[in-house]
Amino acid sequence: MISPGSTLQTVLALIAVLALIMACAWLLRRVQRPQGGGDHPLRLRGQLTVGPRERVILVEVADQWIVAGVSAGNVRPLAVLPRPGDAPPADSAPAAPLPDFRALLARFGKQ
């Protein structure tokens, strides 16, 4: 026969274990969260979803921007561009024509 005291003790132990699990989960999230501020050399500037598992991302690294295609199994660079603040003025020198984005995707797509 189960006494009311042992049932209460079991319920309290269960509540304590659940509270400990929740506290550990909170602490783990708190520790793994990247801290704001600081001077990080790598920044994600934007992303565009082009399929269920494919994205095009824009990453800033030092003084250049890298456009990359990201899929489930790999990451491929599509273009490397100067950071807009560092780009020369448009009228200073004739710029080479930019390749068609569709052609870039076809070139770096699955073969």
PDB file of N, CA and C in Angstrom:
ATOM      1  N   MET A   1       0.829  -1.171   0.000  1.00  0.00           N
ATOM      2  CA  MET A   1       0.000   0.000   0.000  1.00  0.00           C
ATOM      3  C   MET A   1       0.882   1.246   0.000  1.00  0.00           C
ATOM      4  N   ILE A   2       0.498   2.236  -0.815  1.00  0.00           N
ATOM      5  CA  ILE A   2       1.274   3.458  -0.954  1.00  0.00           C
ATOM      6  C   ILE A   2       0.732   4.491   0.018  1.00  0.00           C
ATOM      7  N   SER A   3       1.649   5.063   0.784  1.00  0.00           N
ATOM      8  CA  SER A   3       1.233   6.073   1.750  1.00  0.00           C
ATOM      9  C   SER A   3       1.208   7.446   1.095  1.00  0.00           C
ATOM     10  N   PRO A   4       0.378   8.352   1.589  1.00  0.00           N
ATOM     11  CA  PRO A   4       0.317   9.712   1.019  1.00  0.00           C
ATOM     12  C   PRO A   4       1.655  10.438   1.115  1.00  0.00           C
ATOM     13  N   GLY A   5       2.444  10.142   2.106  1.00  0.00           N
ATOM     14  CA  GLY A   5       3.750  10.785   2.268  1.00  0.00           C
ATOM     15  C   GLY A   5       4.717  10.395   1.158  1.00  0.00           C
ATOM     16  N   SER A   6       4.727   9.113   0.762  1.00  0.00           N
ATOM     17  CA  SER A   6       5.646   8.682  -0.296  1.00  0.00           C
ATOM     18  C   SER A   6       5.198   9.212  -1.661  1.00  0.00           C
ATOM     19  N   THR A   7       3.872   9.341  -1.872  1.00  0.00           N
ATOM     20  CA  THR A   7       3.374   9.906  -3.130  1.00  0.00           C
ATOM     21  C   THR A   7       3.781  11.367  -3.244  1.00  0.00           C
ATOM     22  N   LEU A   8       3.638  12.103  -2.150  1.00  0.00           N
ATOM     23  CA  LEU A   8       4.037  13.505  -2.148  1.00  0.00           C
ATOM     24  C   LEU A   8       5.535  13.642  -2.380  1.00  0.00           C
ATOM     25  N   GLN A   9       6.311  12.776  -1.765  1.00  0.00           N
ATOM     26  CA  GLN A   9       7.764  12.820  -1.941  1.00  0.00           C
ATOM     27  C   GLN A   9       8.139  12.518  -3.402  1.00  0.00           C
ATOM     28  N   THR A  10       7.470  11.591  -4.046  1.00  0.00           N
ATOM     29  CA  THR A  10       7.732  11.250  -5.449  1.00  0.00           C
ATOM     30  C   THR A  10       7.369  12.407  -6.371  1.00  0.00           C
ATOM     31  N   VAL A  11       6.238  13.057  -6.125  1.00  0.00           N
ATOM     32  CA  VAL A  11       5.814  14.192  -6.943  1.00  0.00           C
ATOM     33  C   VAL A  11       6.798  15.352  -6.788  1.00  0.00           C
ATOM     34  N   LEU A  12       7.221  15.624  -5.584  1.00  0.00           N
ATOM     35  CA  LEU A  12       8.190  16.699  -5.355  1.00  0.00           C
ATOM     36  C   LEU A  12       9.532  16.391  -6.022  1.00  0.00           C
ATOM     37  N   ALA A  13       9.963  15.140  -5.983  1.00  0.00           N
ATOM     38  CA  ALA A  13      11.214  14.754  -6.647  1.00  0.00           C
ATOM     39  C   ALA A  13      11.088  14.929  -8.161  1.00  0.00           C
ATOM     40  N   LEU A  14       9.927  14.577  -8.714  1.00  0.00           N
ATOM     41  CA  LEU A  14       9.691  14.752 -10.140  1.00  0.00           C
ATOM     42  C   LEU A  14       9.724  16.234 -10.524  1.00  0.00           C
ATOM     43  N   ILE A  15       9.107  17.081  -9.742  1.00  0.00           N
ATOM     44  CA  ILE A  15       9.117  18.525  -9.996  1.00  0.00           C
ATOM     45  C   ILE A  15      10.540  19.066  -9.923  1.00  0.00           C
ATOM     46  N   ALA A  16      11.322  18.593  -8.959  1.00  0.00           N
ATOM     47  CA  ALA A  16      12.711  19.052  -8.817  1.00  0.00           C
ATOM     48  C   ALA A  16      13.541  18.639 -10.036  1.00  0.00           C
ATOM     49  N   VAL A  17      13.352  17.419 -10.523  1.00  0.00           N
ATOM     50  CA  VAL A  17      14.100  16.949 -11.694  1.00  0.00           C
ATOM     51  C   VAL A  17      13.715  17.758 -12.928  1.00  0.00           C
ATOM     52  N   LEU A  18      12.422  18.017 -13.127  1.00  0.00           N
ATOM     53  CA  LEU A  18      11.975  18.817 -14.267  1.00  0.00           C
ATOM     54  C   LEU A  18      12.519  20.246 -14.187  1.00  0.00           C
ATOM     55  N   ALA A  19      12.543  20.825 -13.002  1.00  0.00           N
ATOM     56  CA  ALA A  19      13.086  22.166 -12.833  1.00  0.00           C
ATOM     57  C   ALA A  19      14.592  22.185 -13.130  1.00  0.00           C
ATOM     58  N   LEU A  20      15.297  21.141 -12.735  1.00  0.00           N
ATOM     59  CA  LEU A  20      16.728  21.051 -13.014  1.00  0.00           C
ATOM     60  C   LEU A  20      16.983  20.934 -14.523  1.00  0.00           C
ATOM     61  N   ILE A  21      16.173  20.160 -15.228  1.00  0.00           N
ATOM     62  CA  ILE A  21      16.314  20.024 -16.680  1.00  0.00           C
ATOM     63  C   ILE A  21      16.065  21.369 -17.364  1.00  0.00           C
ATOM     64  N   MET A  22      15.032  22.077 -16.935  1.00  0.00           N
ATOM     65  CA  MET A  22      14.736  23.383 -17.528  1.00  0.00           C
ATOM     66  C   MET A  22      15.849  24.386 -17.249  1.00  0.00           C
ATOM     67  N   ALA A  23      16.415  24.353 -16.052  1.00  0.00           N
ATOM     68  CA  ALA A  23      17.508  25.260 -15.703  1.00  0.00           C
ATOM     69  C   ALA A  23      18.752  24.953 -16.545  1.00  0.00           C
ATOM     70  N   CYS A  24      19.039  23.688 -16.767  1.00  0.00           N
ATOM     71  CA  CYS A  24      20.188  23.310 -17.601  1.00  0.00           C
ATOM     72  C   CYS A  24      19.970  23.748 -19.051  1.00  0.00           C
ATOM     73  N   ALA A  25      18.766  23.593 -19.577  1.00  0.00           N
ATOM     74  CA  ALA A  25      18.466  24.023 -20.946  1.00  0.00           C
ATOM     75  C   ALA A  25      18.612  25.534 -21.075  1.00  0.00           C
ATOM     76  N   TRP A  26      18.134  26.287 -20.115  1.00  0.00           N
ATOM     77  CA  TRP A  26      18.261  27.742 -20.137  1.00  0.00           C
ATOM     78  C   TRP A  26      19.735  28.149 -20.102  1.00  0.00           C
ATOM     79  N   LEU A  27      20.507  27.508 -19.228  1.00  0.00           N
ATOM     80  CA  LEU A  27      21.928  27.828 -19.104  1.00  0.00           C
ATOM     81  C   LEU A  27      22.674  27.485 -20.389  1.00  0.00           C
ATOM     82  N   LEU A  28      22.349  26.374 -21.019  1.00  0.00           N
ATOM     83  CA  LEU A  28      22.996  25.982 -22.260  1.00  0.00           C
ATOM     84  C   LEU A  28      22.705  26.977 -23.377  1.00  0.00           C
ATOM     85  N   ARG A  29      21.457  27.421 -23.493  1.00  0.00           N
ATOM     86  CA  ARG A  29      21.110  28.436 -24.492  1.00  0.00           C
ATOM     87  C   ARG A  29      21.844  29.742 -24.214  1.00  0.00           C
ATOM     88  N   ARG A  30      21.956  30.094 -22.983  1.00  0.00           N
ATOM     89  CA  ARG A  30      22.608  31.353 -22.590  1.00  0.00           C
ATOM     90  C   ARG A  30      24.101  31.321 -22.924  1.00  0.00           C
ATOM     91  N   VAL A  31      24.741  30.186 -22.714  1.00  0.00           N
ATOM     92  CA  VAL A  31      26.174  30.064 -22.952  1.00  0.00           C
ATOM     93  C   VAL A  31      26.469  30.004 -24.450  1.00  0.00           C
ATOM     94  N   GLN A  32      25.620  29.350 -25.241  1.00  0.00           N
ATOM     95  CA  GLN A  32      25.874  29.178 -26.663  1.00  0.00           C
ATOM     96  C   GLN A  32      25.492  30.391 -27.498  1.00  0.00           C
ATOM     97  N   ARG A  33      24.758  31.319 -26.990  1.00  0.00           N
ATOM     98  CA  ARG A  33      24.323  32.499 -27.737  1.00  0.00           C
ATOM     99  C   ARG A  33      25.530  33.378 -28.053  1.00  0.00           C
ATOM    100  N   PRO A  34      25.703  33.768 -29.329  1.00  0.00           N
ATOM    101  CA  PRO A  34      26.827  34.662 -29.640  1.00  0.00           C
ATOM    102  C   PRO A  34      26.626  36.014 -28.976  1.00  0.00           C
ATOM    103  N   GLN A  35      27.687  36.547 -28.460  1.00  0.00           N
ATOM    104  CA  GLN A  35      27.618  37.822 -27.763  1.00  0.00           C
ATOM    105  C   GLN A  35      27.620  38.957 -28.768  1.00  0.00           C
ATOM    106  N   GLY A  36      26.794  39.936 -28.559  1.00  0.00           N
ATOM    107  CA  GLY A  36      26.731  41.096 -29.444  1.00  0.00           C
ATOM    108  C   GLY A  36      27.946  41.976 -29.271  1.00  0.00           C
ATOM    109  N   GLY A  37      28.186  42.813 -30.262  1.00  0.00           N
ATOM    110  CA  GLY A  37      29.331  43.710 -30.195  1.00  0.00           C
ATOM    111  C   GLY A  37      30.599  43.009 -30.605  1.00  0.00           C
ATOM    112  N   GLY A  38      31.684  43.652 -30.389  1.00  0.00           N
ATOM    113  CA  GLY A  38      32.959  43.079 -30.772  1.00  0.00           C
ATOM    114  C   GLY A  38      33.234  43.291 -32.249  1.00  0.00           C
ATOM    115  N   ASP A  39      34.439  43.034 -32.648  1.00  0.00           N
ATOM    116  CA  ASP A  39      34.821  43.205 -34.042  1.00  0.00           C
ATOM    117  C   ASP A  39      35.043  41.836 -34.657  1.00  0.00           C
ATOM    118  N   HIS A  40      34.009  41.286 -35.273  1.00  0.00           N
ATOM    119  CA  HIS A  40      34.089  39.970 -35.893  1.00  0.00           C
ATOM    120  C   HIS A  40      34.483  40.127 -37.351  1.00  0.00           C
ATOM    121  N   PRO A  41      35.428  39.329 -37.851  1.00  0.00           N
ATOM    122  CA  PRO A  41      35.862  39.474 -39.236  1.00  0.00           C
ATOM    123  C   PRO A  41      34.858  38.937 -40.251  1.00  0.00           C
ATOM    124  N   LEU A  42      33.881  38.185 -39.804  1.00  0.00           N
ATOM    125  CA  LEU A  42      32.924  37.551 -40.705  1.00  0.00           C
ATOM    126  C   LEU A  42      31.510  37.963 -40.313  1.00  0.00           C
ATOM    127  N   ARG A  43      30.745  38.495 -41.292  1.00  0.00           N
ATOM    128  CA  ARG A  43      29.370  38.921 -41.016  1.00  0.00           C
ATOM    129  C   ARG A  43      28.457  38.447 -42.126  1.00  0.00           C
ATOM    130  N   LEU A  44      27.304  37.918 -41.761  1.00  0.00           N
ATOM    131  CA  LEU A  44      26.279  37.566 -42.729  1.00  0.00           C
ATOM    132  C   LEU A  44      25.470  38.817 -43.010  1.00  0.00           C
ATOM    133  N   ARG A  45      25.518  39.304 -44.255  1.00  0.00           N
ATOM    134  CA  ARG A  45      24.844  40.550 -44.610  1.00  0.00           C
ATOM    135  C   ARG A  45      23.437  40.319 -45.140  1.00  0.00           C
ATOM    136  N   GLY A  46      23.153  39.153 -45.693  1.00  0.00           N
ATOM    137  CA  GLY A  46      21.823  38.875 -46.217  1.00  0.00           C
ATOM    138  C   GLY A  46      21.748  37.480 -46.782  1.00  0.00           C
ATOM    139  N   GLN A  47      20.522  37.016 -46.979  1.00  0.00           N
ATOM    140  CA  GLN A  47      20.324  35.697 -47.559  1.00  0.00           C
ATOM    141  C   GLN A  47      19.004  35.671 -48.307  1.00  0.00           C
ATOM    142  N   LEU A  48      18.940  34.811 -49.310  1.00  0.00           N
ATOM    143  CA  LEU A  48      17.755  34.675 -50.134  1.00  0.00           C
ATOM    144  C   LEU A  48      17.517  33.194 -50.361  1.00  0.00           C
ATOM    145  N   THR A  49      16.325  32.722 -50.024  1.00  0.00           N
ATOM    146  CA  THR A  49      15.987  31.323 -50.223  1.00  0.00           C
ATOM    147  C   THR A  49      15.560  31.133 -51.666  1.00  0.00           C
ATOM    148  N   VAL A  50      16.212  30.203 -52.367  1.00  0.00           N
ATOM    149  CA  VAL A  50      15.890  29.946 -53.766  1.00  0.00           C
ATOM    150  C   VAL A  50      15.300  28.555 -53.981  1.00  0.00           C
ATOM    151  N   GLY A  51      15.191  27.776 -52.933  1.00  0.00           N
ATOM    152  CA  GLY A  51      14.612  26.441 -53.008  1.00  0.00           C
ATOM    153  C   GLY A  51      14.380  25.913 -51.612  1.00  0.00           C
ATOM    154  N   PRO A  52      13.868  24.693 -51.502  1.00  0.00           N
ATOM    155  CA  PRO A  52      13.591  24.157 -50.164  1.00  0.00           C
ATOM    156  C   PRO A  52      14.844  23.999 -49.299  1.00  0.00           C
ATOM    157  N   ARG A  53      15.988  23.728 -49.927  1.00  0.00           N
ATOM    158  CA  ARG A  53      17.229  23.577 -49.168  1.00  0.00           C
ATOM    159  C   ARG A  53      18.371  24.410 -49.737  1.00  0.00           C
ATOM    160  N   GLU A  54      18.063  25.337 -50.612  1.00  0.00           N
ATOM    161  CA  GLU A  54      19.090  26.145 -51.252  1.00  0.00           C
ATOM    162  C   GLU A  54      18.907  27.610 -50.901  1.00  0.00           C
ATOM    163  N   ARG A  55      20.042  28.269 -50.670  1.00  0.00           N
ATOM    164  CA  ARG A  55      20.035  29.697 -50.368  1.00  0.00           C
ATOM    165  C   ARG A  55      21.207  30.362 -51.059  1.00  0.00           C
ATOM    166  N   VAL A  56      21.069  31.633 -51.311  1.00  0.00           N
ATOM    167  CA  VAL A  56      22.169  32.476 -51.754  1.00  0.00           C
ATOM    168  C   VAL A  56      22.429  33.441 -50.611  1.00  0.00           C
ATOM    169  N   ILE A  57      23.679  33.492 -50.146  1.00  0.00           N
ATOM    170  CA  ILE A  57      24.004  34.341 -49.002  1.00  0.00           C
ATOM    171  C   ILE A  57      25.053  35.374 -49.398  1.00  0.00           C
ATOM    172  N   LEU A  58      25.058  36.471 -48.677  1.00  0.00           N
ATOM    173  CA  LEU A  58      26.037  37.528 -48.856  1.00  0.00           C
ATOM    174  C   LEU A  58      26.808  37.660 -47.544  1.00  0.00           C
ATOM    175  N   VAL A  59      28.106  37.387 -47.604  1.00  0.00           N
ATOM    176  CA  VAL A  59      28.960  37.384 -46.414  1.00  0.00           C
ATOM    177  C   VAL A  59      30.011  38.473 -46.572  1.00  0.00           C
ATOM    178  N   GLU A  60      30.191  39.267 -45.527  1.00  0.00           N
ATOM    179  CA  GLU A  60      31.239  40.288 -45.530  1.00  0.00           C
ATOM    180  C   GLU A  60      32.450  39.745 -44.793  1.00  0.00           C
ATOM    181  N   VAL A  61      33.590  39.734 -45.478  1.00  0.00           N
ATOM    182  CA  VAL A  61      34.844  39.296 -44.886  1.00  0.00           C
ATOM    183  C   VAL A  61      35.864  40.393 -45.139  1.00  0.00           C
ATOM    184  N   ALA A  62      36.332  41.009 -44.088  1.00  0.00           N
ATOM    185  CA  ALA A  62      37.307  42.106 -44.170  1.00  0.00           C
ATOM    186  C   ALA A  62      36.803  43.185 -45.119  1.00  0.00           C
ATOM    187  N   ASP A  63      37.453  43.368 -46.264  1.00  0.00           N
ATOM    188  CA  ASP A  63      37.064  44.447 -47.171  1.00  0.00           C
ATOM    189  C   ASP A  63      36.396  43.938 -48.437  1.00  0.00           C
ATOM    190  N   GLN A  64      35.830  42.743 -48.392  1.00  0.00           N
ATOM    191  CA  GLN A  64      35.132  42.230 -49.565  1.00  0.00           C
ATOM    192  C   GLN A  64      33.850  41.511 -49.174  1.00  0.00           C
ATOM    193  N   TRP A  65      32.945  41.398 -50.136  1.00  0.00           N
ATOM    194  CA  TRP A  65      31.700  40.667 -49.948  1.00  0.00           C
ATOM    195  C   TRP A  65      31.756  39.426 -50.818  1.00  0.00           C
ATOM    196  N   ILE A  66      31.335  38.324 -50.270  1.00  0.00           N
ATOM    197  CA  ILE A  66      31.321  37.056 -50.994  1.00  0.00           C
ATOM    198  C   ILE A  66      29.878  36.613 -51.153  1.00  0.00           C
ATOM    199  N   VAL A  67      29.473  36.376 -52.392  1.00  0.00           N
ATOM    200  CA  VAL A  67      28.160  35.828 -52.676  1.00  0.00           C
ATOM    201  C   VAL A  67      28.364  34.325 -52.819  1.00  0.00           C
ATOM    202  N   ALA A  68      27.622  33.536 -52.041  1.00  0.00           N
ATOM    203  CA  ALA A  68      27.808  32.087 -52.043  1.00  0.00           C
ATOM    204  C   ALA A  68      26.476  31.381 -52.175  1.00  0.00           C
ATOM    205  N   GLY A  69      26.520  30.236 -52.809  1.00  0.00           N
ATOM    206  CA  GLY A  69      25.351  29.369 -52.900  1.00  0.00           C
ATOM    207  C   GLY A  69      25.473  28.291 -51.848  1.00  0.00           C
ATOM    208  N   VAL A  70      24.426  28.111 -51.054  1.00  0.00           N
ATOM    209  CA  VAL A  70      24.441  27.133 -49.972  1.00  0.00           C
ATOM    210  C   VAL A  70      23.342  26.117 -50.240  1.00  0.00           C
ATOM    211  N   SER A  71      23.714  24.840 -50.251  1.00  0.00           N
ATOM    212  CA  SER A  71      22.718  23.781 -50.399  1.00  0.00           C
ATOM    213  C   SER A  71      22.912  22.793 -49.263  1.00  0.00           C
ATOM    214  N   ALA A  72      22.181  21.707 -49.304  1.00  0.00           N
ATOM    215  CA  ALA A  72      22.211  20.754 -48.195  1.00  0.00           C
ATOM    216  C   ALA A  72      23.602  20.170 -47.978  1.00  0.00           C
ATOM    217  N   GLY A  73      24.357  19.957 -49.041  1.00  0.00           N
ATOM    218  CA  GLY A  73      25.631  19.279 -48.881  1.00  0.00           C
ATOM    219  C   GLY A  73      26.863  20.127 -49.080  1.00  0.00           C
ATOM    220  N   ASN A  74      26.735  21.361 -49.580  1.00  0.00           N
ATOM    221  CA  ASN A  74      27.948  22.123 -49.854  1.00  0.00           C
ATOM    222  C   ASN A  74      27.688  23.630 -49.892  1.00  0.00           C
ATOM    223  N   VAL A  75      28.798  24.356 -49.950  1.00  0.00           N
ATOM    224  CA  VAL A  75      28.772  25.817 -50.071  1.00  0.00           C
ATOM    225  C   VAL A  75      29.725  26.151 -51.218  1.00  0.00           C
ATOM    226  N   ARG A  76      29.231  26.940 -52.181  1.00  0.00           N
ATOM    227  CA  ARG A  76      30.071  27.315 -53.325  1.00  0.00           C
ATOM    228  C   ARG A  76      30.077  28.833 -53.481  1.00  0.00           C
ATOM    229  N   PRO A  77      31.268  29.407 -53.653  1.00  0.00           N
ATOM    230  CA  PRO A  77      31.320  30.851 -53.905  1.00  0.00           C
ATOM    231  C   PRO A  77      30.817  31.148 -55.313  1.00  0.00           C
ATOM    232  N   LEU A  78      29.987  32.172 -55.448  1.00  0.00           N
ATOM    233  CA  LEU A  78      29.467  32.580 -56.750  1.00  0.00           C
ATOM    234  C   LEU A  78      30.176  33.821 -57.268  1.00  0.00           C
ATOM    235  N   ALA A  79      30.491  34.750 -56.361  1.00  0.00           N
ATOM    236  CA  ALA A  79      31.172  35.977 -56.772  1.00  0.00           C
ATOM    237  C   ALA A  79      31.856  36.601 -55.566  1.00  0.00           C
ATOM    238  N   VAL A  80      32.928  37.318 -55.815  1.00  0.00           N
ATOM    239  CA  VAL A  80      33.631  38.094 -54.789  1.00  0.00           C
ATOM    240  C   VAL A  80      33.585  39.546 -55.244  1.00  0.00           C
ATOM    241  N   LEU A  81      33.031  40.399 -54.395  1.00  0.00           N
ATOM    242  CA  LEU A  81      32.831  41.801 -54.738  1.00  0.00           C
ATOM    243  C   LEU A  81      33.521  42.696 -53.725  1.00  0.00           C
ATOM    244  N   PRO A  82      33.967  43.892 -54.148  1.00  0.00           N
ATOM    245  CA  PRO A  82      34.487  44.832 -53.154  1.00  0.00           C
ATOM    246  C   PRO A  82      33.341  45.362 -52.304  1.00  0.00           C
ATOM    247  N   ARG A  83      33.639  45.705 -51.086  1.00  0.00           N
ATOM    248  CA  ARG A  83      32.617  46.273 -50.215  1.00  0.00           C
ATOM    249  C   ARG A  83      32.140  47.575 -50.840  1.00  0.00           C
ATOM    250  N   PRO A  84      30.821  47.869 -50.835  1.00  0.00           N
ATOM    251  CA  PRO A  84      30.304  49.059 -51.520  1.00  0.00           C
ATOM    252  C   PRO A  84      30.998  50.354 -51.130  1.00  0.00           C
ATOM    253  N   GLY A  85      31.410  50.515 -49.907  1.00  0.00           N
ATOM    254  CA  GLY A  85      32.103  51.733 -49.503  1.00  0.00           C
ATOM    255  C   GLY A  85      33.476  51.846 -50.147  1.00  0.00           C
ATOM    256  N   ASP A  86      34.080  50.709 -50.506  1.00  0.00           N
ATOM    257  CA  ASP A  86      35.409  50.686 -51.103  1.00  0.00           C
ATOM    258  C   ASP A  86      35.363  50.666 -52.628  1.00  0.00           C
ATOM    259  N   ALA A  87      34.198  50.531 -53.217  1.00  0.00           N
ATOM    260  CA  ALA A  87      34.088  50.423 -54.674  1.00  0.00           C
ATOM    261  C   ALA A  87      34.429  51.761 -55.322  1.00  0.00           C
ATOM    262  N   PRO A  88      35.128  51.723 -56.447  1.00  0.00           N
ATOM    263  CA  PRO A  88      35.442  52.981 -57.134  1.00  0.00           C
ATOM    264  C   PRO A  88      34.183  53.591 -57.723  1.00  0.00           C
ATOM    265  N   PRO A  89      34.152  54.899 -57.925  1.00  0.00           N
ATOM    266  CA  PRO A  89      32.987  55.534 -58.529  1.00  0.00           C
ATOM    267  C   PRO A  89      32.716  54.966 -59.916  1.00  0.00           C
ATOM    268  N   ALA A  90      31.468  54.957 -60.326  1.00  0.00           N
ATOM    269  CA  ALA A  90      31.071  54.337 -61.580  1.00  0.00           C
ATOM    270  C   ALA A  90      31.640  55.072 -62.787  1.00  0.00           C
ATOM    271  N   ASP A  91      31.832  56.392 -62.714  1.00  0.00           N
ATOM    272  CA  ASP A  91      32.291  57.143 -63.879  1.00  0.00           C
ATOM    273  C   ASP A  91      33.815  57.245 -63.962  1.00  0.00           C
ATOM    274  N   SER A  92      34.556  56.678 -63.031  1.00  0.00           N
ATOM    275  CA  SER A  92      36.004  56.808 -63.046  1.00  0.00           C
ATOM    276  C   SER A  92      36.648  55.918 -64.100  1.00  0.00           C
ATOM    277  N   ALA A  93      36.129  54.724 -64.290  1.00  0.00           N
ATOM    278  CA  ALA A  93      36.672  53.803 -65.294  1.00  0.00           C
ATOM    279  C   ALA A  93      35.536  52.929 -65.792  1.00  0.00           C
ATOM    280  N   PRO A  94      35.589  52.553 -67.044  1.00  0.00           N
ATOM    281  CA  PRO A  94      34.518  51.681 -67.538  1.00  0.00           C
ATOM    282  C   PRO A  94      34.611  50.319 -66.861  1.00  0.00           C
ATOM    283  N   ALA A  95      33.514  49.912 -66.281  1.00  0.00           N
ATOM    284  CA  ALA A  95      33.482  48.640 -65.564  1.00  0.00           C
ATOM    285  C   ALA A  95      33.136  47.519 -66.534  1.00  0.00           C
ATOM    286  N   ALA A  96      33.684  46.354 -66.249  1.00  0.00           N
ATOM    287  CA  ALA A  96      33.359  45.183 -67.061  1.00  0.00           C
ATOM    288  C   ALA A  96      31.901  44.819 -66.813  1.00  0.00           C
ATOM    289  N   PRO A  97      31.192  44.349 -67.830  1.00  0.00           N
ATOM    290  CA  PRO A  97      29.791  43.989 -67.624  1.00  0.00           C
ATOM    291  C   PRO A  97      29.678  42.833 -66.642  1.00  0.00           C
ATOM    292  N   LEU A  98      28.690  42.918 -65.761  1.00  0.00           N
ATOM    293  CA  LEU A  98      28.478  41.875 -64.778  1.00  0.00           C
ATOM    294  C   LEU A  98      27.844  40.662 -65.450  1.00  0.00           C
ATOM    295  N   PRO A  99      28.255  39.459 -65.071  1.00  0.00           N
ATOM    296  CA  PRO A  99      27.647  38.272 -65.659  1.00  0.00           C
ATOM    297  C   PRO A  99      26.199  38.126 -65.210  1.00  0.00           C
ATOM    298  N   ASP A 100      25.421  37.477 -66.048  1.00  0.00           N
ATOM    299  CA  ASP A 100      24.022  37.229 -65.748  1.00  0.00           C
ATOM    300  C   ASP A 100      23.927  36.292 -64.543  1.00  0.00           C
ATOM    301  N   PHE A 101      23.079  36.640 -63.571  1.00  0.00           N
ATOM    302  CA  PHE A 101      22.964  35.837 -62.358  1.00  0.00           C
ATOM    303  C   PHE A 101      22.476  34.432 -62.684  1.00  0.00           C
ATOM    304  N   ARG A 102      21.567  34.306 -63.628  1.00  0.00           N
ATOM    305  CA  ARG A 102      21.056  32.987 -64.017  1.00  0.00           C
ATOM    306  C   ARG A 102      22.199  32.137 -64.581  1.00  0.00           C
ATOM    307  N   ALA A 103      23.098  32.755 -65.346  1.00  0.00           N
ATOM    308  CA  ALA A 103      24.239  32.026 -65.897  1.00  0.00           C
ATOM    309  C   ALA A 103      25.182  31.580 -64.782  1.00  0.00           C
ATOM    310  N   LEU A 104      25.379  32.445 -63.774  1.00  0.00           N
ATOM    311  CA  LEU A 104      26.226  32.056 -62.640  1.00  0.00           C
ATOM    312  C   LEU A 104      25.636  30.869 -61.894  1.00  0.00           C
ATOM    313  N   LEU A 105      24.329  30.900 -61.648  1.00  0.00           N
ATOM    314  CA  LEU A 105      23.698  29.784 -60.951  1.00  0.00           C
ATOM    315  C   LEU A 105      23.806  28.508 -61.772  1.00  0.00           C
ATOM    316  N   ALA A 106      23.626  28.603 -63.096  1.00  0.00           N
ATOM    317  CA  ALA A 106      23.719  27.417 -63.939  1.00  0.00           C
ATOM    318  C   ALA A 106      25.147  26.893 -63.958  1.00  0.00           C
ATOM    319  N   ARG A 107      26.112  27.807 -63.945  1.00  0.00           N
ATOM    320  CA  ARG A 107      27.513  27.405 -63.982  1.00  0.00           C
ATOM    321  C   ARG A 107      27.936  26.674 -62.701  1.00  0.00           C
ATOM    322  N   PHE A 108      27.469  27.158 -61.549  1.00  0.00           N
ATOM    323  CA  PHE A 108      27.854  26.559 -60.282  1.00  0.00           C
ATOM    324  C   PHE A 108      26.823  25.581 -59.751  1.00  0.00           C
ATOM    325  N   GLY A 109      25.770  25.327 -60.494  1.00  0.00           N
ATOM    326  CA  GLY A 109      24.724  24.408 -60.058  1.00  0.00           C
ATOM    327  C   GLY A 109      25.191  22.969 -60.111  1.00  0.00           C
ATOM    328  N   LYS A 110      24.304  22.094 -59.740  1.00  0.00           N
ATOM    329  CA  LYS A 110      24.628  20.666 -59.774  1.00  0.00           C
ATOM    330  C   LYS A 110      24.824  20.227 -61.225  1.00  0.00           C
ATOM    331  N   GLN A 111      25.803  19.376 -61.430  1.00  0.00           N
ATOM    332  CA  GLN A 111      26.118  18.947 -62.795  1.00  0.00           C
ATOM    333  C   GLN A 111      25.843  17.484 -62.969  1.00  0.00           C
TER     334      GLN A 111
END
